[in-house]
Protein backbone atom coordinates (compact mmCIF):
# COMPACT_ATOMS: atom_id res chain seq x y z
CA MET A 1 3.64 -60.60 -44.93
CA ARG A 2 3.50 -60.07 -48.60
CA ILE A 3 6.09 -58.78 -51.01
CA TRP A 4 5.83 -56.40 -53.92
CA SER A 5 6.63 -59.12 -56.43
CA LEU A 6 3.67 -61.29 -55.50
CA PHE A 7 1.35 -58.41 -56.29
CA ALA A 8 3.19 -57.86 -59.56
CA GLY A 9 1.58 -61.02 -60.87
CA PHE A 10 -1.84 -59.50 -60.35
CA VAL A 11 -0.71 -56.21 -61.83
CA LEU A 12 0.29 -58.23 -64.87
CA PHE A 13 -3.21 -59.63 -65.09
CA ALA A 14 -4.61 -56.13 -64.90
CA LEU A 15 -2.33 -54.88 -67.65
CA THR A 16 -2.92 -57.79 -70.02
CA GLY A 17 -6.57 -58.29 -69.34
CA ALA A 18 -8.76 -55.96 -67.39
CA PRO A 19 -8.42 -52.76 -69.42
CA SER A 20 -9.34 -54.40 -72.74
CA ALA A 21 -12.40 -56.27 -71.53
CA PRO A 22 -13.46 -55.57 -67.96
CA ALA A 23 -15.97 -58.00 -66.54
CA ARG A 24 -17.58 -55.25 -64.46
CA ALA A 25 -16.96 -51.54 -64.45
CA ALA A 26 -16.90 -49.82 -61.09
CA VAL A 27 -18.89 -46.67 -60.37
CA ALA A 28 -16.27 -44.83 -58.31
CA CYS A 29 -12.89 -45.26 -56.67
CA ARG A 30 -13.10 -44.88 -52.91
CA TYR A 31 -9.50 -43.62 -52.59
CA ILE A 32 -9.37 -40.81 -55.13
CA SER A 33 -12.23 -38.96 -56.78
CA SER A 34 -12.63 -38.37 -60.49
CA GLN A 35 -12.19 -34.65 -59.82
CA GLN A 36 -8.87 -35.24 -58.05
CA LEU A 37 -7.66 -37.49 -60.84
CA ALA A 38 -8.67 -35.04 -63.53
CA GLY A 39 -7.06 -32.18 -61.62
CA ALA A 40 -3.74 -33.97 -61.25
CA MET A 41 -3.65 -35.38 -64.79
CA PRO A 42 -6.05 -33.35 -66.94
CA ALA A 43 -4.70 -34.62 -70.27
CA ALA A 44 -4.91 -38.34 -69.55
CA LYS A 45 -8.72 -38.84 -69.74
CA TRP A 46 -8.79 -41.72 -67.25
CA SER A 47 -11.62 -44.24 -67.07
CA LEU A 48 -12.19 -46.44 -64.01
CA VAL A 49 -12.09 -50.14 -64.87
CA SER A 50 -12.32 -51.84 -61.47
CA ASP A 51 -12.30 -51.18 -57.74
CA GLN A 52 -10.58 -54.55 -57.12
CA ASP A 53 -13.19 -55.64 -54.60
CA GLY A 54 -12.52 -52.52 -52.54
CA ARG A 55 -8.77 -53.09 -52.30
CA GLY A 56 -7.69 -50.64 -54.99
CA CYS A 57 -8.55 -49.10 -58.33
CA ILE A 58 -7.49 -49.69 -61.94
CA PHE A 59 -7.84 -46.87 -64.45
CA THR A 60 -7.05 -46.79 -68.16
CA GLY A 61 -6.01 -43.63 -69.98
CA GLY A 62 -6.88 -42.43 -73.45
CA ARG A 63 -3.31 -43.06 -74.62
CA GLY A 64 -3.30 -46.69 -73.51
CA ASP A 65 -1.72 -46.04 -70.11
CA THR A 66 -2.79 -47.87 -66.95
CA LEU A 67 -2.99 -46.43 -63.44
CA MET A 68 -2.96 -48.99 -60.64
CA LEU A 69 -3.74 -48.09 -57.01
CA THR A 70 -3.64 -50.75 -54.30
CA VAL A 71 -4.00 -50.65 -50.52
CA PHE A 72 -2.38 -53.30 -48.33
CA ARG A 73 -3.62 -53.60 -44.78
CA ASN A 74 -1.45 -55.34 -42.14
CA PRO A 75 -2.22 -56.77 -38.70
CA THR A 76 0.02 -54.21 -36.94
CA PRO A 77 2.06 -51.10 -37.82
CA ASP A 78 5.24 -53.09 -37.15
CA ARG A 79 4.23 -55.68 -39.73
CA ALA A 80 3.38 -52.87 -42.12
CA ARG A 81 6.84 -51.35 -41.66
CA GLU A 82 8.49 -54.67 -42.44
CA LEU A 83 6.40 -55.10 -45.57
CA TYR A 84 7.00 -51.50 -46.61
CA ASP A 85 10.77 -52.01 -46.35
CA THR A 86 10.43 -55.06 -48.60
CA PHE A 87 8.35 -53.09 -51.11
CA VAL A 88 10.97 -50.35 -51.20
CA LYS A 89 13.74 -52.87 -51.71
CA THR A 90 12.03 -54.39 -54.74
CA LEU A 91 11.05 -50.94 -56.02
CA VAL A 92 14.67 -49.81 -56.20
CA GLU A 93 15.54 -53.02 -58.02
CA ARG A 94 13.25 -51.86 -60.85
CA MET A 95 14.02 -48.14 -60.91
CA PRO A 96 15.94 -45.35 -59.16
CA ALA A 97 13.84 -44.18 -56.21
CA ALA A 98 14.02 -41.43 -53.60
CA PRO A 99 12.16 -40.45 -50.41
CA VAL A 100 9.09 -38.24 -50.66
CA SER A 101 8.12 -36.04 -47.72
CA GLY A 102 4.67 -35.20 -46.43
CA ILE A 103 2.86 -38.39 -47.47
CA GLY A 104 2.01 -40.77 -44.63
CA ASP A 105 4.74 -41.96 -42.29
CA ASP A 106 7.20 -42.71 -45.09
CA ALA A 107 7.21 -42.78 -48.88
CA GLN A 108 9.50 -43.63 -51.80
CA ALA A 109 8.91 -42.86 -55.48
CA GLY A 110 10.69 -43.26 -58.78
CA ILE A 111 10.51 -43.73 -62.54
CA THR A 112 12.06 -46.36 -64.78
CA PRO A 113 15.00 -45.45 -67.07
CA PRO A 114 14.11 -44.05 -70.53
CA LYS A 115 14.72 -47.34 -72.38
CA ALA A 116 13.00 -49.63 -69.85
CA ALA A 117 11.02 -52.49 -71.37
CA HIS A 118 8.02 -51.63 -69.19
CA PRO A 119 7.88 -47.86 -68.57
CA GLU A 120 6.54 -47.11 -65.12
CA ALA A 121 6.27 -44.42 -62.46
CA SER A 122 5.59 -45.67 -58.93
CA ILE A 123 5.19 -44.50 -55.36
CA VAL A 124 4.94 -46.63 -52.20
CA THR A 125 3.67 -45.06 -48.99
CA LEU A 126 3.42 -46.27 -45.40
CA SER A 127 0.72 -45.03 -43.04
CA GLY A 128 0.21 -46.87 -39.77
CA GLU A 129 -0.91 -50.40 -40.58
CA TYR A 130 -1.56 -49.54 -44.23
CA ILE A 131 0.60 -49.40 -47.35
CA LEU A 132 -0.51 -47.55 -50.46
CA SER A 133 1.12 -48.36 -53.77
CA MET A 134 0.40 -46.43 -56.95
CA SER A 135 1.89 -47.03 -60.39
CA ILE A 136 1.39 -45.67 -63.87
CA TYR A 137 2.35 -48.01 -66.68
CA ARG A 138 3.06 -46.03 -69.84
CA SER A 139 2.20 -47.24 -73.30
CA GLY A 140 5.37 -46.62 -75.30
CA THR A 141 6.23 -43.25 -73.73
CA PRO A 142 8.92 -43.07 -71.03
CA PRO A 143 7.74 -41.54 -67.73
CA ASP A 144 9.28 -38.27 -66.63
CA ASP A 145 9.60 -36.17 -63.49
CA ALA A 146 6.39 -34.29 -64.33
CA LEU A 147 4.43 -37.54 -64.37
CA LEU A 148 5.97 -38.60 -61.08
CA LYS A 149 4.97 -35.28 -59.55
CA GLN A 150 1.38 -35.84 -60.68
CA LEU A 151 1.37 -39.36 -59.27
CA THR A 152 2.74 -38.07 -55.97
CA GLU A 153 -0.07 -35.53 -55.77
CA LEU A 154 -2.62 -38.29 -56.26
CA ALA A 155 -0.97 -40.28 -53.46
CA ARG A 156 -1.43 -37.28 -51.14
CA HIS A 157 -5.18 -37.46 -51.78
CA ALA A 158 -5.39 -41.26 -51.52
CA ILE A 159 -3.38 -41.84 -48.34
CA GLY A 160 -6.09 -40.39 -46.13
CA ASN A 161 -8.63 -42.91 -47.44
CA VAL A 162 -6.70 -46.16 -47.01
CA GLY A 163 -8.92 -47.13 -44.06
CA LEU A 164 -11.77 -47.65 -46.54
CA THR A 165 -10.19 -50.85 -47.87
CA ASN A 166 -12.17 -54.10 -47.83
CA GLU A 167 -9.06 -56.01 -46.80
CA ILE A 168 -9.74 -57.97 -43.59
CA PHE A 169 -8.18 -60.76 -41.54
CA GLY A 170 -9.59 -64.15 -40.69
CA GLY A 171 -10.79 -67.23 -42.57
CA CYS A 172 -10.23 -67.94 -46.24
CA GLU A 173 -12.49 -69.96 -48.52
CA TRP A 174 -9.65 -70.82 -50.92
CA LEU A 175 -6.66 -71.58 -48.68
CA THR A 176 -6.10 -73.28 -45.34
CA ALA A 177 -3.08 -73.60 -43.07
CA ASP A 178 -2.55 -77.11 -44.45
CA ASP A 179 -1.86 -75.63 -47.89
CA ALA A 180 1.20 -73.94 -46.40
CA GLU A 181 2.88 -77.26 -45.66
CA GLY A 182 6.25 -77.37 -47.38
CA TYR A 183 6.06 -73.68 -48.27
CA LEU A 184 5.63 -71.55 -45.16
CA ASP A 185 6.57 -71.64 -41.49
CA ARG A 186 3.42 -73.08 -39.88
CA SER A 187 4.31 -71.58 -36.47
CA THR A 188 4.12 -67.97 -37.72
CA LEU A 189 1.23 -68.15 -40.21
CA THR A 190 -1.30 -65.38 -40.76
CA VAL A 191 -4.43 -65.92 -42.87
CA GLU A 192 -5.80 -62.79 -44.51
CA ARG A 193 -8.93 -62.52 -46.63
CA THR A 194 -8.34 -59.71 -49.10
CA GLY A 195 -11.69 -59.67 -50.86
CA PRO A 196 -14.62 -61.84 -51.97
CA GLY A 197 -12.40 -63.87 -54.28
CA SER A 198 -8.92 -63.61 -52.85
CA CYS A 199 -6.83 -64.35 -49.79
CA LEU A 200 -3.29 -64.73 -48.51
CA ILE A 201 -1.39 -66.83 -46.06
CA TYR A 202 2.06 -65.66 -45.05
CA ASP A 203 4.69 -66.35 -42.39
CA GLY A 204 7.03 -64.26 -40.28
CA ALA A 205 9.74 -64.38 -42.94
CA ALA A 206 7.32 -62.85 -45.50
CA ASN A 207 6.99 -66.03 -47.57
CA THR A 208 3.53 -65.84 -49.09
CA MET A 209 0.88 -67.91 -50.82
CA MET A 210 -2.00 -66.15 -52.55
CA VAL A 211 -5.16 -67.11 -54.41
CA ALA A 212 -7.28 -64.70 -56.46
CA VAL A 213 -10.45 -65.69 -58.30
CA VAL A 214 -11.94 -63.33 -60.88
CA ALA A 215 -14.40 -63.51 -63.75
CA VAL A 216 -12.41 -63.41 -66.99
CA PRO A 217 -13.67 -62.85 -70.56
CA ARG A 218 -12.50 -65.36 -73.15
CA ASP A 219 -10.23 -62.92 -75.02
CA VAL A 220 -8.45 -62.01 -71.79
CA GLN A 221 -7.91 -65.68 -71.05
CA VAL A 222 -6.36 -66.26 -74.48
CA SER A 223 -4.16 -63.17 -74.10
CA MET A 224 -2.79 -64.42 -70.80
CA MET A 225 -2.10 -67.87 -72.20
CA ASN A 226 -0.15 -66.44 -75.12
CA ARG A 227 1.76 -63.66 -73.41
CA SER A 228 5.55 -63.61 -73.17
CA SER A 229 6.24 -63.34 -69.45
CA GLY A 230 9.98 -64.04 -69.20
CA CYS A 231 9.22 -67.18 -67.18
CA LYS A 232 9.45 -70.89 -67.82
CA HIS A 233 6.00 -71.94 -68.99
CA VAL A 234 4.49 -75.41 -68.54
CA PRO A 235 0.97 -76.58 -69.55
CA LEU A 236 -1.06 -78.33 -66.84
CA PRO A 237 -3.80 -80.28 -68.65
CA GLU A 238 -4.66 -82.18 -65.47
CA LEU A 239 -6.08 -78.86 -64.18
CA GLY A 240 -8.03 -78.11 -67.34
CA ARG A 241 -7.15 -77.84 -71.00
CA GLU A 242 -5.92 -74.25 -70.73
CA ALA A 243 -4.22 -74.32 -67.31
CA PHE A 244 -0.53 -73.48 -67.09
CA GLY A 245 2.22 -72.73 -64.61
CA GLU A 246 5.11 -70.27 -64.58
CA PHE A 247 8.38 -70.32 -62.65
CA SER A 248 12.05 -69.27 -62.87
CA CYS A 249 11.07 -65.80 -64.11
CA SER A 250 13.76 -63.43 -65.35
CA SER A 251 12.33 -60.38 -63.56
CA GLY A 252 10.24 -59.52 -60.51
CA ASN A 253 10.40 -62.17 -57.80
CA THR A 254 12.50 -64.76 -59.63
CA ASN A 255 11.77 -67.30 -56.85
CA ALA A 256 8.01 -67.17 -57.34
CA VAL A 257 5.82 -69.93 -58.78
CA HIS A 258 2.46 -69.13 -60.39
CA ILE A 259 -0.39 -71.33 -61.65
CA TYR A 260 -3.45 -70.18 -63.63
CA VAL A 261 -6.58 -72.30 -64.04
CA TRP A 262 -9.96 -71.55 -65.62
CA LYS A 263 -13.39 -73.01 -64.93
CA ASN A 264 -17.00 -71.84 -65.29
CA GLY A 265 -15.96 -68.46 -66.68
CA LYS A 266 -13.59 -67.76 -63.79
CA GLN A 267 -9.83 -67.61 -63.48
CA ALA A 268 -8.03 -68.74 -60.34
CA SER A 269 -4.48 -67.56 -59.88
CA VAL A 270 -2.40 -69.46 -57.31
CA LEU A 271 0.91 -67.86 -56.34
CA PHE A 272 3.77 -68.90 -54.09
CA ALA A 273 6.19 -66.01 -53.51
CA PRO A 274 9.14 -66.71 -51.19
CA THR A 275 11.53 -63.93 -50.26
CA LYS A 276 14.60 -66.10 -50.92
CA PRO A 277 15.39 -69.10 -53.14
CA HIS A 278 13.20 -71.97 -51.96
CA PRO A 279 13.17 -75.72 -52.72
CA GLU A 280 9.83 -75.19 -54.49
CA SER A 281 11.04 -72.27 -56.63
CA GLY A 282 12.16 -74.35 -59.59
CA SER A 283 8.92 -76.10 -60.60
CA VAL A 284 5.15 -76.16 -60.19
CA GLU A 285 4.93 -79.80 -59.12
CA HIS A 286 4.11 -79.24 -55.46
CA LEU A 287 1.92 -76.18 -56.05
CA LYS A 288 -0.28 -78.23 -58.40
CA ALA A 289 -1.87 -79.91 -55.37
CA VAL A 290 -2.94 -76.55 -53.95
CA ALA A 291 -4.17 -75.41 -57.37
CA ALA A 292 -6.16 -78.63 -57.76
CA ARG A 293 -8.04 -77.96 -54.53
CA VAL A 294 -8.80 -74.42 -55.66
CA TYR A 295 -9.87 -75.71 -59.09
CA GLN A 296 -12.40 -78.07 -57.51
CA LYS A 297 -14.00 -75.16 -55.64
CA LEU A 298 -14.51 -72.99 -58.73
């Protein structure tokens, strides 16, 4: 299983990096068409930045807003329900949320309070073995009910296309079951390849380890290194001059540990996201060994 907070780390990358200098622009989003997007939000003038290796779409708006759509596939509908319940739990920790009818098997949506540090409108939807999450991150303007209604309409279009995701199960070129030692329950592990450069391993309790490798322009790399994330920040020169780790974050999954390394024009993000406080939550010392193995493969 995965949890909403682990994906938040990759949302953060998208918000700080991808819109300003995308490494590769996508031609189309497989989940919603440009006509559907323009019809739901005619004033936003969205541009597609990335299709996230077939797992979702990132759009930027003319006013500096970001629209993030992601599809999560699960081995079974029961697993999807468990993950969906976790997503909803973390959603309501960030904003007031309420059920939405007529979208998939279940859906919850909400907007952040007017003075939120990171204005956002979000909807999470369950459909069989799939979960669709969609969020709009506003640039300085608080979201309102009208925006949430528009986002909900987009979710109605997208939910029927979740089966087009590239997310699959099986082997992983970046992680092995041995990497889970000390982090996850080895008896309940699932390995899931989520795209050409990313994969997950997770256990029955939803503790998760994730690796994502992407091409990153230099200015994006510098932006990420210098950002204020609300986490304890530690340089990791043994993994490259610009490598660093983050832990003990003040928001999101406060138990998570994250390491970023760069090599040959690529960024590897290594994330451990437990659902509860974990012995490895308070430092990056143990996770460095996993990150080192990923670093050598870059």
